[in-house]
Every structure is written in structure tokens, then in C-alpha cells.
Amino acid sequence: MQDFIQKQRAPRAASHNVRGFTLVELAIVMTVIGIVVGSIIKGQEMIKNARATATITQMQSYQTAVINFRDAFGAMPGDMRNAATRIPNCNANCTPFADESNDNIIGSPAWGDDWMAQAGTTVNLPATSVADETVLFWAHLTLSDMIGGVNNAAIRSGNERIAWTHTHPASPIGGGFVVGFVNGQPLPGDPREDDPSDPAVLGPRGLVFMIVNSPLSGGIDQLSTSAEQVMPVHIAQIIDGKIDDGYPHLGRVRAYGLSSSCYGGDQYDPHYAARSGMQDCGIAFEMAW
């Protein structure tokens, strides 16, 4: 009986040796967790900033490449009529649509009217319309060894699907670059309205590089839909602030996207709504000559 009583008491006695965490120990654990979480968030922010910087460098390299191409060949990439005989490794598939070539405009001059997609799901060469210039633009720069990032299978085969690295270069921040010509039209989402009494131009002019989610992206509605754009608002603000004036509606770097969260403010006070945290922005770069 005594042995039985001792066996029954043993677990109860052992329970008195179990203790919980002290307040000091809990504080240390919470501090460590906070440091780890903070480091992760800070690391993610550093990665985003690095990608933004890499995107800026990439865009600037394209501007330099266009200037060098024009100086070397006396024409714009994608628009050069005799590209097949002048660019190394080119063939008849390099030549733009004859009726629209050598006008120093890449693609349709009316692109900015509705910002529709620049190309269909595939490109078929030789070119049959002015829209093919927006694909040939990247091919001409790549084949002349002025940029990388495009495989130019379309030039070799005459047929290729429209996709990043196939026909258009990808961007470190996500999505990739398309190119086109605009004549002062405001970008999708710009909250300002045309004033008949004020002839001020609201949008960029000339050659524009635009970072979009897909090379098939296009249209004012699609380019201003919430949570479906290529970058968060604060990343667009970082890019703009690093190389331009930091305002989404002014300068050579401008924003497009959802008017109420990419831009913030209203038509009288447009600004980046950087605290929204939403993926509601994209960026357009006006070519600097």
C-alpha cells in the first residue's frame, strides 16, 4: 500500500518542478522576434529598392542605345527602311512596313489616344503594318549589339509569340518594356482634365518607354485597374524621385494607374499616394535627347 501511495504522489510532486517563462524571458523572446521580422521587412525593402535602381539603369541604357543607333545608322530603330542590308545578322524580316518607315515614329502616331496594346499575341514578319515597328525596335537594337535581353527568334523564323525576352525586354521590377510614340496625351489615370481655355499639354511627347505587366497590356481601362499594375505606388515614386522631379504628372518620368491611389490628391493637386501600398502604378519614360 505504501508503494502505491508513493507512486501516486510522484507525478504530483514532479508537477511542482514545472515553471513558466518569466516576464524577462518573454521580453527577450519578443525582442528577438521583432528583430527577425524587422530584418525581413527591411531586407525586402532593400531588394525592392535595388530592383528600382536596376530598372532605372536599364531604361537609361535604352535611351543611350537609341541615340547611338540613330548616330550610327541615321534612322530610328524599328523604323529604318533598309535595315535588312545595314544591320548585321538581319534579313528581310528586319525591314519595317514600307509605307510607314523612315518617319521617325515608332508604331502608330495615334497610340496615346487610347493606349491600346502595341502588338497581337504573335508577330509575323516581314512586317505588314506600322504596329510591327514596336517589335522591330527591340530587334534592331539587339542585333546591332546595343542592348541585350531579347532572343530575336522572330527575325530568324519570321514568327514568334509576343513575350518578355522573346520580343520585348523584361524589367527587374516586374513586367517589362514596351515602346511607342505619343503626342501629349495624358497617361491612363491622370486625374487632370483638359481645359479648352488652357492649351497646356498634359502628357509626354515623342518616344516613350512604358513598363507594363505584359507586352499585351493596353487600353485605358486595363492600365488603370486596381491591383493589376506592375509596381506598388512607393516604388513608382522612388523611380521618379531618383531620376526626375518626383511628381507623377510632370517631367520625363510619369505615372499611370488607378487615379485614386496611384496619383492620390485630385486634378488640382496630383501626387503619389505612396502610403496606399497598392500595386496600382506603372511608369512611362519620355525619351530624353
C-alpha atoms as a PDB file:
ATOM      1  CA  MET A   1       0.000   0.000   0.000  1.00  0.00           C
ATOM      2  CA  GLN A   2       2.807   2.399   0.852  1.00  0.00           C
ATOM      3  CA  ASP A   3       4.430   1.761  -2.507  1.00  0.00           C
ATOM      4  CA  PHE A   4       1.138   2.511  -4.257  1.00  0.00           C
ATOM      5  CA  ILE A   5       0.735   5.813  -2.399  1.00  0.00           C
ATOM      6  CA  GLN A   6       4.275   6.869  -3.282  1.00  0.00           C
ATOM      7  CA  LYS A   7       3.690   6.060  -6.961  1.00  0.00           C
ATOM      8  CA  GLN A   8       0.506   8.144  -6.982  1.00  0.00           C
ATOM      9  CA  ARG A   9       2.236  11.079  -5.333  1.00  0.00           C
ATOM     10  CA  ALA A  10       5.254  11.098  -7.651  1.00  0.00           C
ATOM     11  CA  PRO A  11       3.643  12.817 -10.657  1.00  0.00           C
ATOM     12  CA  ARG A  12       2.024  15.373  -8.387  1.00  0.00           C
ATOM     13  CA  ALA A  13       5.353  16.152  -6.820  1.00  0.00           C
ATOM     14  CA  ALA A  14       7.015  16.389 -10.173  1.00  0.00           C
ATOM     15  CA  SER A  15       4.433  18.921 -11.315  1.00  0.00           C
ATOM     16  CA  HIS A  16       5.714  21.365  -8.742  1.00  0.00           C
ATOM     17  CA  ASN A  17       9.053  21.482 -10.636  1.00  0.00           C
ATOM     18  CA  VAL A  18       7.448  22.787 -13.904  1.00  0.00           C
ATOM     19  CA  ARG A  19       7.615  26.563 -14.286  1.00  0.00           C
ATOM     20  CA  GLY A  20       6.549  29.048 -17.000  1.00  0.00           C
ATOM     21  CA  PHE A  21       8.519  31.802 -18.710  1.00  0.00           C
ATOM     22  CA  THR A  22       9.382  34.820 -16.639  1.00  0.00           C
ATOM     23  CA  LEU A  23       8.492  38.313 -17.886  1.00  0.00           C
ATOM     24  CA  VAL A  24      12.151  38.924 -18.661  1.00  0.00           C
ATOM     25  CA  GLU A  25      12.375  35.771 -20.777  1.00  0.00           C
ATOM     26  CA  LEU A  26       9.167  36.663 -22.651  1.00  0.00           C
ATOM     27  CA  ALA A  27      10.519  40.148 -23.309  1.00  0.00           C
ATOM     28  CA  ILE A  28      13.729  38.686 -24.726  1.00  0.00           C
ATOM     29  CA  VAL A  29      11.793  36.307 -26.990  1.00  0.00           C
ATOM     30  CA  MET A  30       9.524  39.101 -28.246  1.00  0.00           C
ATOM     31  CA  THR A  31      12.541  41.328 -28.881  1.00  0.00           C
ATOM     32  CA  VAL A  32      14.257  38.615 -30.923  1.00  0.00           C
ATOM     33  CA  ILE A  33      11.068  38.010 -32.936  1.00  0.00           C
ATOM     34  CA  GLY A  34      10.752  41.744 -33.560  1.00  0.00           C
ATOM     35  CA  ILE A  35      14.352  41.953 -34.756  1.00  0.00           C
ATOM     36  CA  VAL A  36      13.870  39.000 -37.111  1.00  0.00           C
ATOM     37  CA  VAL A  37      10.612  40.362 -38.561  1.00  0.00           C
ATOM     38  CA  GLY A  38      12.115  43.836 -38.898  1.00  0.00           C
ATOM     39  CA  SER A  39      15.147  42.416 -40.674  1.00  0.00           C
ATOM     40  CA  ILE A  40      12.941  40.520 -43.115  1.00  0.00           C
ATOM     41  CA  ILE A  41      10.866  43.625 -43.893  1.00  0.00           C
ATOM     42  CA  LYS A  42      13.980  45.758 -44.214  1.00  0.00           C
ATOM     43  CA  GLY A  43      15.589  43.151 -46.457  1.00  0.00           C
ATOM     44  CA  GLN A  44      12.514  43.054 -48.694  1.00  0.00           C
ATOM     45  CA  GLU A  45      12.564  46.835 -48.944  1.00  0.00           C
ATOM     46  CA  MET A  46      16.256  46.800 -49.856  1.00  0.00           C
ATOM     47  CA  ILE A  47      15.563  44.250 -52.583  1.00  0.00           C
ATOM     48  CA  LYS A  48      12.765  46.417 -54.000  1.00  0.00           C
ATOM     49  CA  ASN A  49      14.980  49.490 -53.925  1.00  0.00           C
ATOM     50  CA  ALA A  50      17.759  47.576 -55.677  1.00  0.00           C
ATOM     51  CA  ARG A  51      15.320  46.449 -58.367  1.00  0.00           C
ATOM     52  CA  ALA A  52      14.091  50.010 -58.792  1.00  0.00           C
ATOM     53  CA  THR A  53      17.677  51.190 -59.260  1.00  0.00           C
ATOM     54  CA  ALA A  54      18.350  48.378 -61.749  1.00  0.00           C
ATOM     55  CA  THR A  55      15.216  49.357 -63.673  1.00  0.00           C
ATOM     56  CA  ILE A  56      16.407  52.955 -63.877  1.00  0.00           C
ATOM     57  CA  THR A  57      19.802  51.802 -65.164  1.00  0.00           C
ATOM     58  CA  GLN A  58      18.113  49.601 -67.750  1.00  0.00           C
ATOM     59  CA  MET A  59      15.877  52.402 -69.002  1.00  0.00           C
ATOM     60  CA  GLN A  60      18.805  54.812 -69.242  1.00  0.00           C
ATOM     61  CA  SER A  61      20.737  52.229 -71.247  1.00  0.00           C
ATOM     62  CA  TYR A  62      17.852  52.073 -73.731  1.00  0.00           C
ATOM     63  CA  GLN A  63      17.890  55.823 -74.149  1.00  0.00           C
ATOM     64  CA  THR A  64      21.625  55.725 -74.800  1.00  0.00           C
ATOM     65  CA  ALA A  65      21.169  52.848 -77.256  1.00  0.00           C
ATOM     66  CA  VAL A  66      18.566  54.771 -79.267  1.00  0.00           C
ATOM     67  CA  ILE A  67      20.841  57.803 -79.528  1.00  0.00           C
ATOM     68  CA  ASN A  68      23.816  55.637 -80.545  1.00  0.00           C
ATOM     69  CA  PHE A  69      21.710  53.775 -83.121  1.00  0.00           C
ATOM     70  CA  ARG A  70      20.473  56.995 -84.672  1.00  0.00           C
ATOM     71  CA  ASP A  71      24.008  58.375 -84.801  1.00  0.00           C
ATOM     72  CA  ALA A  72      25.345  55.169 -86.363  1.00  0.00           C
ATOM     73  CA  PHE A  73      22.591  54.496 -88.909  1.00  0.00           C
ATOM     74  CA  GLY A  74      20.877  57.856 -89.401  1.00  0.00           C
ATOM     75  CA  ALA A  75      17.483  56.372 -88.562  1.00  0.00           C
ATOM     76  CA  MET A  76      15.392  55.186 -85.639  1.00  0.00           C
ATOM     77  CA  PRO A  77      15.456  51.511 -84.585  1.00  0.00           C
ATOM     78  CA  GLY A  78      12.352  49.727 -85.800  1.00  0.00           C
ATOM     79  CA  ASP A  79      11.723  52.432 -88.405  1.00  0.00           C
ATOM     80  CA  MET A  80      14.795  52.059 -90.657  1.00  0.00           C
ATOM     81  CA  ARG A  81      13.738  51.221 -94.208  1.00  0.00           C
ATOM     82  CA  ASN A  82      16.926  49.426 -95.309  1.00  0.00           C
ATOM     83  CA  ALA A  83      17.538  47.566 -92.033  1.00  0.00           C
ATOM     84  CA  ALA A  84      17.930  44.224 -93.831  1.00  0.00           C
ATOM     85  CA  THR A  85      21.114  45.346 -95.572  1.00  0.00           C
ATOM     86  CA  ARG A  86      22.590  47.599 -92.906  1.00  0.00           C
ATOM     87  CA  ILE A  87      22.190  45.788 -89.580  1.00  0.00           C
ATOM     88  CA  PRO A  88      24.422  42.731 -89.025  1.00  0.00           C
ATOM     89  CA  ASN A  89      22.617  39.362 -88.968  1.00  0.00           C
ATOM     90  CA  CYS A  90      19.432  40.931 -90.334  1.00  0.00           C
ATOM     91  CA  ASN A  91      17.341  39.621 -93.202  1.00  0.00           C
ATOM     92  CA  ALA A  92      14.108  40.662 -94.902  1.00  0.00           C
ATOM     93  CA  ASN A  93      12.294  40.139 -91.600  1.00  0.00           C
ATOM     94  CA  CYS A  94      14.124  43.167 -90.188  1.00  0.00           C
ATOM     95  CA  THR A  95      12.513  45.602 -92.605  1.00  0.00           C
ATOM     96  CA  PRO A  96       9.551  47.674 -91.379  1.00  0.00           C
ATOM     97  CA  PHE A  97       6.352  48.225 -93.327  1.00  0.00           C
ATOM     98  CA  ALA A  98       7.486  50.369 -96.249  1.00  0.00           C
ATOM     99  CA  ASP A  99       4.589  52.847 -96.261  1.00  0.00           C
ATOM    100  CA  GLU A 100       5.309  53.892 -92.661  1.00  0.00           C
ATOM    101  CA  SER A 101       9.100  53.595 -92.459  1.00  0.00           C
ATOM    102  CA  ASN A 102      11.683  56.358 -92.057  1.00  0.00           C
ATOM    103  CA  ASP A 103       9.216  58.805 -90.476  1.00  0.00           C
ATOM    104  CA  ASN A 104      10.998  58.759 -87.085  1.00  0.00           C
ATOM    105  CA  ILE A 105       7.826  57.496 -85.399  1.00  0.00           C
ATOM    106  CA  ILE A 106       7.775  54.035 -83.801  1.00  0.00           C
ATOM    107  CA  GLY A 107       4.401  52.383 -84.276  1.00  0.00           C
ATOM    108  CA  SER A 108       1.165  54.268 -84.718  1.00  0.00           C
ATOM    109  CA  PRO A 109       1.318  58.038 -84.113  1.00  0.00           C
ATOM    110  CA  ALA A 110      -2.129  57.721 -82.507  1.00  0.00           C
ATOM    111  CA  TRP A 111      -1.078  55.178 -79.853  1.00  0.00           C
ATOM    112  CA  GLY A 112      -1.605  57.634 -76.991  1.00  0.00           C
ATOM    113  CA  ASP A 113      -5.217  58.250 -77.998  1.00  0.00           C
ATOM    114  CA  ASP A 114      -6.309  55.054 -76.256  1.00  0.00           C
ATOM    115  CA  TRP A 115      -3.026  53.387 -75.139  1.00  0.00           C
ATOM    116  CA  MET A 116      -4.058  50.060 -76.666  1.00  0.00           C
ATOM    117  CA  ALA A 117      -1.675  47.088 -76.770  1.00  0.00           C
ATOM    118  CA  GLN A 118       1.107  47.593 -79.311  1.00  0.00           C
ATOM    119  CA  ALA A 119       1.031  44.066 -80.744  1.00  0.00           C
ATOM    120  CA  GLY A 120      -1.071  40.930 -81.033  1.00  0.00           C
ATOM    121  CA  THR A 121      -0.256  37.568 -79.471  1.00  0.00           C
ATOM    122  CA  THR A 122       2.312  36.794 -82.192  1.00  0.00           C
ATOM    123  CA  VAL A 123       4.413  38.718 -84.674  1.00  0.00           C
ATOM    124  CA  ASN A 124       4.613  37.587 -88.286  1.00  0.00           C
ATOM    125  CA  LEU A 125       7.389  39.033 -90.424  1.00  0.00           C
ATOM    126  CA  PRO A 126       8.118  40.597 -92.886  1.00  0.00           C
ATOM    127  CA  ALA A 127       6.139  43.497 -91.444  1.00  0.00           C
ATOM    128  CA  THR A 128       2.607  44.061 -92.696  1.00  0.00           C
ATOM    129  CA  SER A 129       1.662  47.125 -90.616  1.00  0.00           C
ATOM    130  CA  VAL A 130       3.128  50.012 -88.688  1.00  0.00           C
ATOM    131  CA  ALA A 131       2.465  48.137 -85.427  1.00  0.00           C
ATOM    132  CA  ASP A 132       5.328  45.763 -86.242  1.00  0.00           C
ATOM    133  CA  GLU A 133       7.781  48.614 -85.696  1.00  0.00           C
ATOM    134  CA  THR A 134       7.232  48.323 -81.941  1.00  0.00           C
ATOM    135  CA  VAL A 135       8.640  44.781 -82.091  1.00  0.00           C
ATOM    136  CA  LEU A 136      11.357  45.530 -84.668  1.00  0.00           C
ATOM    137  CA  PHE A 137      12.535  48.375 -82.420  1.00  0.00           C
ATOM    138  CA  TRP A 138      13.966  45.882 -79.897  1.00  0.00           C
ATOM    139  CA  ALA A 139      15.254  43.556 -82.622  1.00  0.00           C
ATOM    140  CA  HIS A 140      17.211  46.335 -84.324  1.00  0.00           C
ATOM    141  CA  LEU A 141      18.832  47.418 -81.059  1.00  0.00           C
ATOM    142  CA  THR A 142      19.714  43.854 -80.103  1.00  0.00           C
ATOM    143  CA  LEU A 143      21.118  42.838 -83.487  1.00  0.00           C
ATOM    144  CA  SER A 144      23.268  45.960 -83.571  1.00  0.00           C
ATOM    145  CA  ASP A 145      24.708  44.900 -80.169  1.00  0.00           C
ATOM    146  CA  MET A 146      23.377  47.959 -78.366  1.00  0.00           C
ATOM    147  CA  ILE A 147      21.131  46.143 -75.856  1.00  0.00           C
ATOM    148  CA  GLY A 148      20.514  42.589 -74.677  1.00  0.00           C
ATOM    149  CA  GLY A 149      17.573  40.671 -73.266  1.00  0.00           C
ATOM    150  CA  VAL A 150      15.699  39.757 -76.483  1.00  0.00           C
ATOM    151  CA  ASN A 151      16.296  36.473 -78.326  1.00  0.00           C
ATOM    152  CA  ASN A 152      15.209  37.710 -81.811  1.00  0.00           C
ATOM    153  CA  ALA A 153      13.738  34.377 -82.839  1.00  0.00           C
ATOM    154  CA  ALA A 154      11.188  36.362 -84.843  1.00  0.00           C
ATOM    155  CA  ILE A 155      13.927  37.668 -87.138  1.00  0.00           C
ATOM    156  CA  ARG A 156      15.262  34.161 -87.755  1.00  0.00           C
ATOM    157  CA  SER A 157      11.932  32.398 -88.255  1.00  0.00           C
ATOM    158  CA  GLY A 158       9.539  35.182 -89.210  1.00  0.00           C
ATOM    159  CA  ASN A 159       7.124  34.102 -86.491  1.00  0.00           C
ATOM    160  CA  GLU A 160       7.284  34.393 -82.708  1.00  0.00           C
ATOM    161  CA  ARG A 161       4.941  34.784 -79.772  1.00  0.00           C
ATOM    162  CA  ILE A 162       4.919  38.193 -78.113  1.00  0.00           C
ATOM    163  CA  ALA A 163       6.530  37.738 -74.697  1.00  0.00           C
ATOM    164  CA  TRP A 164       9.206  39.080 -72.417  1.00  0.00           C
ATOM    165  CA  THR A 165      12.716  38.056 -73.563  1.00  0.00           C
ATOM    166  CA  HIS A 166      11.259  36.751 -76.848  1.00  0.00           C
ATOM    167  CA  THR A 167      10.242  40.047 -78.424  1.00  0.00           C
ATOM    168  CA  HIS A 168      10.444  42.580 -75.574  1.00  0.00           C
ATOM    169  CA  PRO A 169      12.890  43.041 -72.682  1.00  0.00           C
ATOM    170  CA  ALA A 170      11.814  42.207 -69.136  1.00  0.00           C
ATOM    171  CA  SER A 171      12.216  44.643 -66.243  1.00  0.00           C
ATOM    172  CA  PRO A 172      13.894  43.889 -62.871  1.00  0.00           C
ATOM    173  CA  ILE A 173      10.937  45.448 -61.068  1.00  0.00           C
ATOM    174  CA  GLY A 174       8.483  43.138 -62.838  1.00  0.00           C
ATOM    175  CA  GLY A 175       6.784  43.148 -66.217  1.00  0.00           C
ATOM    176  CA  GLY A 176       8.831  44.712 -68.973  1.00  0.00           C
ATOM    177  CA  PHE A 177       9.231  47.480 -71.520  1.00  0.00           C
ATOM    178  CA  VAL A 178       7.106  48.478 -74.484  1.00  0.00           C
ATOM    179  CA  VAL A 179       7.797  51.493 -76.682  1.00  0.00           C
ATOM    180  CA  GLY A 180       5.709  53.868 -78.741  1.00  0.00           C
ATOM    181  CA  PHE A 181       5.130  57.409 -79.932  1.00  0.00           C
ATOM    182  CA  VAL A 182       2.805  59.874 -78.200  1.00  0.00           C
ATOM    183  CA  ASN A 183       1.825  63.469 -78.800  1.00  0.00           C
ATOM    184  CA  GLY A 184       0.974  64.943 -75.411  1.00  0.00           C
ATOM    185  CA  GLN A 185      -1.918  62.719 -74.405  1.00  0.00           C
ATOM    186  CA  PRO A 186      -2.313  62.238 -70.605  1.00  0.00           C
ATOM    187  CA  LEU A 187      -1.461  58.798 -69.268  1.00  0.00           C
ATOM    188  CA  PRO A 188      -4.245  56.474 -68.030  1.00  0.00           C
ATOM    189  CA  GLY A 189      -5.318  57.513 -64.542  1.00  0.00           C
ATOM    190  CA  ASP A 190      -4.059  61.089 -64.719  1.00  0.00           C
ATOM    191  CA  PRO A 191      -6.783  62.922 -62.739  1.00  0.00           C
ATOM    192  CA  ARG A 192      -6.345  66.206 -64.612  1.00  0.00           C
ATOM    193  CA  GLU A 193      -8.882  67.236 -67.217  1.00  0.00           C
ATOM    194  CA  ASP A 194      -8.374  69.039 -70.491  1.00  0.00           C
ATOM    195  CA  ASP A 195      -9.208  72.717 -70.252  1.00  0.00           C
ATOM    196  CA  PRO A 196     -10.233  74.256 -73.606  1.00  0.00           C
ATOM    197  CA  SER A 197      -9.093  77.650 -72.361  1.00  0.00           C
ATOM    198  CA  ASP A 198      -5.637  76.309 -71.453  1.00  0.00           C
ATOM    199  CA  PRO A 199      -3.691  74.692 -74.312  1.00  0.00           C
ATOM    200  CA  ALA A 200      -1.114  73.129 -71.935  1.00  0.00           C
ATOM    201  CA  VAL A 201      -0.036  69.613 -72.907  1.00  0.00           C
ATOM    202  CA  LEU A 202      -0.925  67.109 -70.170  1.00  0.00           C
ATOM    203  CA  GLY A 203       1.142  64.120 -71.247  1.00  0.00           C
ATOM    204  CA  PRO A 204       4.567  63.156 -72.610  1.00  0.00           C
ATOM    205  CA  ARG A 205       5.645  63.762 -76.184  1.00  0.00           C
ATOM    206  CA  GLY A 206       7.726  61.797 -78.652  1.00  0.00           C
ATOM    207  CA  LEU A 207       9.232  58.383 -77.978  1.00  0.00           C
ATOM    208  CA  VAL A 208       8.040  56.811 -74.729  1.00  0.00           C
ATOM    209  CA  PHE A 209       9.186  53.690 -72.888  1.00  0.00           C
ATOM    210  CA  MET A 210       6.468  52.224 -70.674  1.00  0.00           C
ATOM    211  CA  ILE A 211       6.800  49.446 -68.075  1.00  0.00           C
ATOM    212  CA  VAL A 212       3.711  47.219 -68.176  1.00  0.00           C
ATOM    213  CA  ASN A 213       2.687  43.848 -66.758  1.00  0.00           C
ATOM    214  CA  SER A 214       2.548  42.140 -70.144  1.00  0.00           C
ATOM    215  CA  PRO A 215       3.574  43.181 -73.672  1.00  0.00           C
ATOM    216  CA  LEU A 216      -0.080  42.529 -74.495  1.00  0.00           C
ATOM    217  CA  SER A 217      -1.308  45.015 -71.865  1.00  0.00           C
ATOM    218  CA  GLY A 218      -3.169  48.007 -73.216  1.00  0.00           C
ATOM    219  CA  GLY A 219      -6.203  50.220 -73.116  1.00  0.00           C
ATOM    220  CA  ILE A 220      -7.062  52.995 -70.682  1.00  0.00           C
ATOM    221  CA  ASP A 221      -9.318  50.738 -68.573  1.00  0.00           C
ATOM    222  CA  GLN A 222      -6.802  47.912 -68.240  1.00  0.00           C
ATOM    223  CA  LEU A 223      -3.924  50.264 -67.455  1.00  0.00           C
ATOM    224  CA  SER A 224      -5.890  51.920 -64.647  1.00  0.00           C
ATOM    225  CA  THR A 225      -7.380  48.864 -62.923  1.00  0.00           C
ATOM    226  CA  SER A 226      -6.645  48.495 -59.207  1.00  0.00           C
ATOM    227  CA  ALA A 227      -4.116  45.890 -58.009  1.00  0.00           C
ATOM    228  CA  GLU A 228      -3.269  44.830 -61.573  1.00  0.00           C
ATOM    229  CA  GLN A 229      -0.441  47.217 -62.409  1.00  0.00           C
ATOM    230  CA  VAL A 230       3.254  46.467 -62.489  1.00  0.00           C
ATOM    231  CA  MET A 231       4.500  48.108 -59.272  1.00  0.00           C
ATOM    232  CA  PRO A 232       3.447  49.444 -55.868  1.00  0.00           C
ATOM    233  CA  VAL A 233       2.948  53.187 -55.634  1.00  0.00           C
ATOM    234  CA  HIS A 234       6.013  53.847 -53.477  1.00  0.00           C
ATOM    235  CA  ILE A 235       8.297  52.084 -55.981  1.00  0.00           C
ATOM    236  CA  ALA A 236       6.983  54.333 -58.755  1.00  0.00           C
ATOM    237  CA  GLN A 237       7.702  57.298 -56.509  1.00  0.00           C
ATOM    238  CA  ILE A 238      11.256  56.051 -55.822  1.00  0.00           C
ATOM    239  CA  ILE A 239      11.982  55.669 -59.546  1.00  0.00           C
ATOM    240  CA  ASP A 240      10.517  59.084 -60.350  1.00  0.00           C
ATOM    241  CA  GLY A 241      12.342  60.751 -57.467  1.00  0.00           C
ATOM    242  CA  LYS A 242      15.725  59.273 -58.391  1.00  0.00           C
ATOM    243  CA  ILE A 243      15.819  60.496 -61.982  1.00  0.00           C
ATOM    244  CA  ASP A 244      13.137  63.156 -62.303  1.00  0.00           C
ATOM    245  CA  ASP A 245      11.025  65.531 -60.222  1.00  0.00           C
ATOM    246  CA  GLY A 246       9.095  63.063 -58.048  1.00  0.00           C
ATOM    247  CA  TYR A 247       5.696  64.188 -59.377  1.00  0.00           C
ATOM    248  CA  PRO A 248       3.540  61.634 -61.218  1.00  0.00           C
ATOM    249  CA  HIS A 249       2.133  64.122 -63.742  1.00  0.00           C
ATOM    250  CA  LEU A 250       5.211  66.190 -64.581  1.00  0.00           C
ATOM    251  CA  GLY A 251       8.635  65.774 -66.162  1.00  0.00           C
ATOM    252  CA  ARG A 252      10.077  62.997 -68.285  1.00  0.00           C
ATOM    253  CA  VAL A 253       9.038  60.277 -65.830  1.00  0.00           C
ATOM    254  CA  ARG A 254       5.293  59.981 -65.308  1.00  0.00           C
ATOM    255  CA  ALA A 255       2.932  57.535 -63.680  1.00  0.00           C
ATOM    256  CA  TYR A 256      -0.115  55.728 -64.931  1.00  0.00           C
ATOM    257  CA  GLY A 257      -2.554  53.565 -62.994  1.00  0.00           C
ATOM    258  CA  LEU A 258      -5.521  53.931 -60.673  1.00  0.00           C
ATOM    259  CA  SER A 259      -6.230  57.636 -60.307  1.00  0.00           C
ATOM    260  CA  SER A 260      -7.390  57.482 -56.677  1.00  0.00           C
ATOM    261  CA  SER A 261      -4.428  55.528 -55.284  1.00  0.00           C
ATOM    262  CA  CYS A 262      -1.512  55.754 -57.713  1.00  0.00           C
ATOM    263  CA  TYR A 263      -1.910  59.502 -58.016  1.00  0.00           C
ATOM    264  CA  GLY A 264      -3.791  60.481 -54.892  1.00  0.00           C
ATOM    265  CA  GLY A 265      -4.969  64.042 -54.464  1.00  0.00           C
ATOM    266  CA  ASP A 266      -7.161  65.400 -57.228  1.00  0.00           C
ATOM    267  CA  GLN A 267      -6.819  67.158 -60.577  1.00  0.00           C
ATOM    268  CA  TYR A 268      -5.577  70.308 -58.820  1.00  0.00           C
ATOM    269  CA  ASP A 269      -3.002  68.591 -56.603  1.00  0.00           C
ATOM    270  CA  PRO A 270      -1.793  65.311 -58.150  1.00  0.00           C
ATOM    271  CA  HIS A 271       0.844  63.434 -56.173  1.00  0.00           C
ATOM    272  CA  TYR A 272       1.962  59.891 -55.444  1.00  0.00           C
ATOM    273  CA  ALA A 273      -0.254  58.206 -52.852  1.00  0.00           C
ATOM    274  CA  ALA A 274       2.768  56.335 -51.522  1.00  0.00           C
ATOM    275  CA  ARG A 275       1.081  55.181 -48.303  1.00  0.00           C
ATOM    276  CA  SER A 276      -1.595  53.232 -50.126  1.00  0.00           C
ATOM    277  CA  GLY A 277       0.732  50.237 -50.533  1.00  0.00           C
ATOM    278  CA  MET A 278      -1.329  49.062 -53.505  1.00  0.00           C
ATOM    279  CA  GLN A 279       0.039  47.651 -56.759  1.00  0.00           C
ATOM    280  CA  ASP A 280      -1.708  50.408 -58.659  1.00  0.00           C
ATOM    281  CA  CYS A 281       1.088  52.138 -60.601  1.00  0.00           C
ATOM    282  CA  GLY A 282       3.201  51.917 -63.698  1.00  0.00           C
ATOM    283  CA  ILE A 283       5.844  54.218 -65.121  1.00  0.00           C
ATOM    284  CA  ALA A 284       6.384  55.854 -68.508  1.00  0.00           C
ATOM    285  CA  PHE A 285       9.730  57.378 -69.531  1.00  0.00           C
ATOM    286  CA  GLU A 286       9.796  60.114 -72.133  1.00  0.00           C
ATOM    287  CA  MET A 287      12.889  59.804 -74.308  1.00  0.00           C
ATOM    288  CA  ALA A 288      15.490  62.430 -73.417  1.00  0.00           C
ATOM    289  CA  TRP A 289      17.503  63.536 -76.453  1.00  0.00           C
END
